[in-house]
Amino acid sequence: MTDVKIIETARLLLHPLTVDEGRRLVGGRPGVGDRWAEGYPTAGDVRGVGSFLEKVAERGDPGVFRPYEIRRLADGVAVGGIGFHGPPDADGVVTVGYGLVPGVRGRGYASEALRALIARAREAGATAVRGDADLDNVASHRVMEAAGMAYEGEDEVVRHYRLVLTP
């Protein structure tokens, strides 16, 4: 892993996952120092980190554009995941995804984590951030809006959001 730093917010730590940590997560086997909340990792975490592991094997380490474990600052317990679907595309646009275990939803953690991840994307030179959520996932729509992302449209399945980043 390149020198990728932990992102700290007021209440959270976004811990950049290594390949070994990703393998443990996908396998559902916490390591000695891992502290996972009930329900973590979610199916979404397993899919996202599994994709990260495949891409690392094909293309190498993506630097900051990787998955992060969302940990509570107070106790270090992992309560969800957030991250990039990969490095920026040719136009500098990155796509993000996130999720929390049910027991901690509704506390503003997802918006807090997403704002911090967007700041990391800006620092790393991305030009825009994209995200989407199922049409009926109003809570996720609110998370993206709270993080400054604007509604761009929808199809039969998802609503699309985007935030253009300024240096």
C-alpha atoms as a PDB file:
ATOM      1  CA  MET A   1       0.000   0.000   0.000  1.00  0.00           C
ATOM      2  CA  THR A   2       1.232   3.437  -0.825  1.00  0.00           C
ATOM      3  CA  ASP A   3       1.372   5.987   1.976  1.00  0.00           C
ATOM      4  CA  VAL A   4      -2.385   6.371   2.448  1.00  0.00           C
ATOM      5  CA  LYS A   5      -3.357   8.156   5.634  1.00  0.00           C
ATOM      6  CA  ILE A   6      -6.272   7.622   7.983  1.00  0.00           C
ATOM      7  CA  ILE A   7      -8.903  10.327   7.628  1.00  0.00           C
ATOM      8  CA  GLU A   8     -10.124  11.701  10.959  1.00  0.00           C
ATOM      9  CA  THR A   9     -13.376  13.599  11.411  1.00  0.00           C
ATOM     10  CA  ALA A  10     -15.055  14.899  14.557  1.00  0.00           C
ATOM     11  CA  ARG A  11     -16.485  11.461  15.419  1.00  0.00           C
ATOM     12  CA  LEU A  12     -14.978   8.997  12.962  1.00  0.00           C
ATOM     13  CA  LEU A  13     -11.816   7.458  11.591  1.00  0.00           C
ATOM     14  CA  LEU A  14     -11.799   6.385   7.949  1.00  0.00           C
ATOM     15  CA  HIS A  15      -9.224   3.612   7.920  1.00  0.00           C
ATOM     16  CA  PRO A  16      -7.784   2.804   4.449  1.00  0.00           C
ATOM     17  CA  LEU A  17      -8.047  -0.944   3.943  1.00  0.00           C
ATOM     18  CA  THR A  18      -4.982  -2.930   3.023  1.00  0.00           C
ATOM     19  CA  VAL A  19      -5.168  -6.032   0.844  1.00  0.00           C
ATOM     20  CA  ASP A  20      -4.757  -8.286   3.910  1.00  0.00           C
ATOM     21  CA  GLU A  21      -7.518  -6.455   5.795  1.00  0.00           C
ATOM     22  CA  GLY A  22      -9.693  -6.662   2.694  1.00  0.00           C
ATOM     23  CA  ARG A  23      -9.196 -10.420   2.470  1.00  0.00           C
ATOM     24  CA  ARG A  24     -10.209 -10.814   6.121  1.00  0.00           C
ATOM     25  CA  LEU A  25     -13.276  -8.651   5.574  1.00  0.00           C
ATOM     26  CA  VAL A  26     -14.380 -10.562   2.464  1.00  0.00           C
ATOM     27  CA  GLY A  27     -13.815 -13.822   4.340  1.00  0.00           C
ATOM     28  CA  GLY A  28     -15.792 -12.598   7.364  1.00  0.00           C
ATOM     29  CA  ARG A  29     -12.831 -13.290   9.657  1.00  0.00           C
ATOM     30  CA  PRO A  30     -11.782 -10.378  11.859  1.00  0.00           C
ATOM     31  CA  GLY A  31      -8.103 -10.226  12.764  1.00  0.00           C
ATOM     32  CA  VAL A  32      -6.654  -9.877  16.240  1.00  0.00           C
ATOM     33  CA  GLY A  33      -6.966  -6.079  16.338  1.00  0.00           C
ATOM     34  CA  ASP A  34     -10.202  -5.802  14.354  1.00  0.00           C
ATOM     35  CA  ARG A  35     -13.287  -4.584  16.225  1.00  0.00           C
ATOM     36  CA  TRP A  36     -16.469  -5.022  14.212  1.00  0.00           C
ATOM     37  CA  ALA A  37     -19.959  -3.864  15.163  1.00  0.00           C
ATOM     38  CA  GLU A  38     -22.807  -6.345  14.898  1.00  0.00           C
ATOM     39  CA  GLY A  39     -23.718  -6.740  11.237  1.00  0.00           C
ATOM     40  CA  TYR A  40     -20.328  -5.640   9.897  1.00  0.00           C
ATOM     41  CA  PRO A  41     -19.223  -6.276   7.229  1.00  0.00           C
ATOM     42  CA  THR A  42     -22.451  -5.876   5.268  1.00  0.00           C
ATOM     43  CA  ALA A  43     -23.061  -7.533   1.917  1.00  0.00           C
ATOM     44  CA  GLY A  44     -22.274  -4.179   0.290  1.00  0.00           C
ATOM     45  CA  ASP A  45     -18.921  -4.013   2.093  1.00  0.00           C
ATOM     46  CA  VAL A  46     -18.046  -7.514   0.914  1.00  0.00           C
ATOM     47  CA  ARG A  47     -18.961  -6.684  -2.717  1.00  0.00           C
ATOM     48  CA  GLY A  48     -17.053  -3.396  -2.713  1.00  0.00           C
ATOM     49  CA  VAL A  49     -13.933  -4.769  -1.062  1.00  0.00           C
ATOM     50  CA  GLY A  50     -14.045  -7.867  -3.268  1.00  0.00           C
ATOM     51  CA  SER A  51     -13.987  -5.586  -6.312  1.00  0.00           C
ATOM     52  CA  PHE A  52     -11.077  -3.637  -4.784  1.00  0.00           C
ATOM     53  CA  LEU A  53      -9.096  -6.874  -4.318  1.00  0.00           C
ATOM     54  CA  GLU A  54      -9.728  -7.896  -7.955  1.00  0.00           C
ATOM     55  CA  LYS A  55      -8.633  -4.483  -9.246  1.00  0.00           C
ATOM     56  CA  VAL A  56      -5.468  -4.490  -7.110  1.00  0.00           C
ATOM     57  CA  ALA A  57      -4.547  -7.899  -8.548  1.00  0.00           C
ATOM     58  CA  GLU A  58      -5.111  -6.594 -12.101  1.00  0.00           C
ATOM     59  CA  ARG A  59      -3.754  -3.034 -11.905  1.00  0.00           C
ATOM     60  CA  GLY A  60      -1.892  -2.553  -8.627  1.00  0.00           C
ATOM     61  CA  ASP A  61      -2.517  -0.359  -5.612  1.00  0.00           C
ATOM     62  CA  PRO A  62      -4.951   2.527  -6.263  1.00  0.00           C
ATOM     63  CA  GLY A  63      -3.443   4.826  -3.629  1.00  0.00           C
ATOM     64  CA  VAL A  64      -6.056   6.950  -1.892  1.00  0.00           C
ATOM     65  CA  PHE A  65      -8.795   5.734  -4.277  1.00  0.00           C
ATOM     66  CA  ARG A  66      -9.618   2.630  -2.245  1.00  0.00           C
ATOM     67  CA  PRO A  67     -12.171   1.424   0.319  1.00  0.00           C
ATOM     68  CA  TYR A  68     -12.071   2.748   3.877  1.00  0.00           C
ATOM     69  CA  GLU A  69     -13.502   1.219   7.006  1.00  0.00           C
ATOM     70  CA  ILE A  70     -15.676   3.660   8.980  1.00  0.00           C
ATOM     71  CA  ARG A  71     -14.685   3.403  12.640  1.00  0.00           C
ATOM     72  CA  ARG A  72     -16.067   5.343  15.573  1.00  0.00           C
ATOM     73  CA  LEU A  73     -13.356   7.581  16.973  1.00  0.00           C
ATOM     74  CA  ALA A  74     -14.509   6.971  20.564  1.00  0.00           C
ATOM     75  CA  ASP A  75     -13.981   3.194  20.588  1.00  0.00           C
ATOM     76  CA  GLY A  76     -12.435   2.171  17.246  1.00  0.00           C
ATOM     77  CA  VAL A  77     -15.320  -0.138  16.341  1.00  0.00           C
ATOM     78  CA  ALA A  78     -15.944  -0.540  12.590  1.00  0.00           C
ATOM     79  CA  VAL A  79     -19.549   0.422  11.827  1.00  0.00           C
ATOM     80  CA  GLY A  80     -19.477   0.555   8.035  1.00  0.00           C
ATOM     81  CA  GLY A  81     -17.522   1.183   4.905  1.00  0.00           C
ATOM     82  CA  ILE A  82     -16.999   3.968   2.408  1.00  0.00           C
ATOM     83  CA  GLY A  83     -14.744   4.339  -0.545  1.00  0.00           C
ATOM     84  CA  PHE A  84     -14.022   4.881  -4.180  1.00  0.00           C
ATOM     85  CA  HIS A  85     -15.011   2.407  -6.866  1.00  0.00           C
ATOM     86  CA  GLY A  86     -11.570   2.980  -8.357  1.00  0.00           C
ATOM     87  CA  PRO A  87      -9.208   5.717  -9.498  1.00  0.00           C
ATOM     88  CA  PRO A  88     -10.556   8.750 -11.367  1.00  0.00           C
ATOM     89  CA  ASP A  89     -11.646   8.223 -14.971  1.00  0.00           C
ATOM     90  CA  ALA A  90     -10.035  10.087 -17.882  1.00  0.00           C
ATOM     91  CA  ASP A  91     -11.985  13.230 -16.914  1.00  0.00           C
ATOM     92  CA  GLY A  92     -10.889  13.027 -13.256  1.00  0.00           C
ATOM     93  CA  VAL A  93     -14.285  11.840 -11.979  1.00  0.00           C
ATOM     94  CA  VAL A  94     -14.506   9.300  -9.139  1.00  0.00           C
ATOM     95  CA  THR A  95     -17.488   7.267  -8.006  1.00  0.00           C
ATOM     96  CA  VAL A  96     -18.157   6.662  -4.314  1.00  0.00           C
ATOM     97  CA  GLY A  97     -20.180   4.215  -2.287  1.00  0.00           C
ATOM     98  CA  TYR A  98     -20.893   3.833   1.423  1.00  0.00           C
ATOM     99  CA  GLY A  99     -22.948   1.963   3.975  1.00  0.00           C
ATOM    100  CA  LEU A 100     -23.443   1.585   7.700  1.00  0.00           C
ATOM    101  CA  VAL A 101     -24.645  -1.248   9.905  1.00  0.00           C
ATOM    102  CA  PRO A 102     -28.308  -0.749  10.891  1.00  0.00           C
ATOM    103  CA  GLY A 103     -27.516  -0.110  14.575  1.00  0.00           C
ATOM    104  CA  VAL A 104     -25.761   3.226  13.872  1.00  0.00           C
ATOM    105  CA  ARG A 105     -27.854   4.682  11.076  1.00  0.00           C
ATOM    106  CA  GLY A 106     -29.562   8.029  11.557  1.00  0.00           C
ATOM    107  CA  ARG A 107     -26.706   9.632  13.507  1.00  0.00           C
ATOM    108  CA  GLY A 108     -25.119  11.580  10.654  1.00  0.00           C
ATOM    109  CA  TYR A 109     -22.111   9.251  10.375  1.00  0.00           C
ATOM    110  CA  ALA A 110     -22.576   8.597   6.644  1.00  0.00           C
ATOM    111  CA  SER A 111     -22.732  12.308   5.751  1.00  0.00           C
ATOM    112  CA  GLU A 112     -19.733  13.038   7.965  1.00  0.00           C
ATOM    113  CA  ALA A 113     -17.736  10.242   6.357  1.00  0.00           C
ATOM    114  CA  LEU A 114     -18.786  11.232   2.827  1.00  0.00           C
ATOM    115  CA  ARG A 115     -17.760  14.876   3.338  1.00  0.00           C
ATOM    116  CA  ALA A 116     -14.335  13.676   4.499  1.00  0.00           C
ATOM    117  CA  LEU A 117     -13.967  11.299   1.543  1.00  0.00           C
ATOM    118  CA  ILE A 118     -14.913  14.088  -0.869  1.00  0.00           C
ATOM    119  CA  ALA A 119     -12.214  16.286   0.705  1.00  0.00           C
ATOM    120  CA  ARG A 120      -9.691  13.469   0.160  1.00  0.00           C
ATOM    121  CA  ALA A 121     -10.763  13.188  -3.495  1.00  0.00           C
ATOM    122  CA  ARG A 122     -10.267  16.942  -3.926  1.00  0.00           C
ATOM    123  CA  GLU A 123      -6.805  16.784  -2.311  1.00  0.00           C
ATOM    124  CA  ALA A 124      -5.857  13.897  -4.616  1.00  0.00           C
ATOM    125  CA  GLY A 125      -6.812  15.841  -7.737  1.00  0.00           C
ATOM    126  CA  ALA A 126     -10.239  14.462  -8.667  1.00  0.00           C
ATOM    127  CA  THR A 127     -12.419  16.883 -10.632  1.00  0.00           C
ATOM    128  CA  ALA A 128     -15.814  15.545  -9.570  1.00  0.00           C
ATOM    129  CA  VAL A 129     -17.480  12.915  -7.375  1.00  0.00           C
ATOM    130  CA  ARG A 130     -20.428  10.784  -8.439  1.00  0.00           C
ATOM    131  CA  GLY A 131     -22.750   8.573  -6.447  1.00  0.00           C
ATOM    132  CA  ASP A 132     -26.122   6.913  -6.772  1.00  0.00           C
ATOM    133  CA  ALA A 133     -28.749   5.272  -4.606  1.00  0.00           C
ATOM    134  CA  ASP A 134     -31.851   3.183  -5.205  1.00  0.00           C
ATOM    135  CA  LEU A 135     -34.937   5.297  -5.861  1.00  0.00           C
ATOM    136  CA  ASP A 136     -36.537   4.275  -2.566  1.00  0.00           C
ATOM    137  CA  ASN A 137     -33.384   4.874  -0.473  1.00  0.00           C
ATOM    138  CA  VAL A 138     -34.341   8.363   0.685  1.00  0.00           C
ATOM    139  CA  ALA A 139     -31.851   8.255   3.569  1.00  0.00           C
ATOM    140  CA  SER A 140     -28.967   7.812   1.120  1.00  0.00           C
ATOM    141  CA  HIS A 141     -30.299  10.638  -1.059  1.00  0.00           C
ATOM    142  CA  ARG A 142     -30.184  12.871   2.020  1.00  0.00           C
ATOM    143  CA  VAL A 143     -26.622  11.742   2.833  1.00  0.00           C
ATOM    144  CA  MET A 144     -25.362  12.796  -0.588  1.00  0.00           C
ATOM    145  CA  GLU A 145     -27.272  16.082  -0.470  1.00  0.00           C
ATOM    146  CA  ALA A 146     -25.905  16.817   3.037  1.00  0.00           C
ATOM    147  CA  ALA A 147     -22.393  16.250   1.666  1.00  0.00           C
ATOM    148  CA  GLY A 148     -22.988  18.845  -1.069  1.00  0.00           C
ATOM    149  CA  MET A 149     -23.779  16.524  -3.968  1.00  0.00           C
ATOM    150  CA  ALA A 150     -26.504  17.635  -6.380  1.00  0.00           C
ATOM    151  CA  TYR A 151     -29.250  15.513  -7.903  1.00  0.00           C
ATOM    152  CA  GLU A 152     -28.473  14.844 -11.586  1.00  0.00           C
ATOM    153  CA  GLY A 153     -31.339  12.623 -12.638  1.00  0.00           C
ATOM    154  CA  GLU A 154     -32.575   9.086 -12.333  1.00  0.00           C
ATOM    155  CA  ASP A 155     -33.378   5.977 -14.273  1.00  0.00           C
ATOM    156  CA  GLU A 156     -35.776   3.142 -13.425  1.00  0.00           C
ATOM    157  CA  VAL A 157     -33.527   1.963 -10.581  1.00  0.00           C
ATOM    158  CA  VAL A 158     -31.374   4.737  -9.077  1.00  0.00           C
ATOM    159  CA  ARG A 159     -31.039   8.464  -8.479  1.00  0.00           C
ATOM    160  CA  HIS A 160     -27.729   9.970  -9.593  1.00  0.00           C
ATOM    161  CA  TYR A 161     -25.763  12.646  -7.722  1.00  0.00           C
ATOM    162  CA  ARG A 162     -22.642  14.617  -8.571  1.00  0.00           C
ATOM    163  CA  LEU A 163     -20.392  17.226  -7.032  1.00  0.00           C
ATOM    164  CA  VAL A 164     -17.929  19.186  -9.158  1.00  0.00           C
ATOM    165  CA  LEU A 165     -14.764  19.820  -7.159  1.00  0.00           C
ATOM    166  CA  THR A 166     -12.902  23.077  -7.233  1.00  0.00           C
ATOM    167  CA  PRO A 167      -9.238  23.175  -6.288  1.00  0.00           C
END
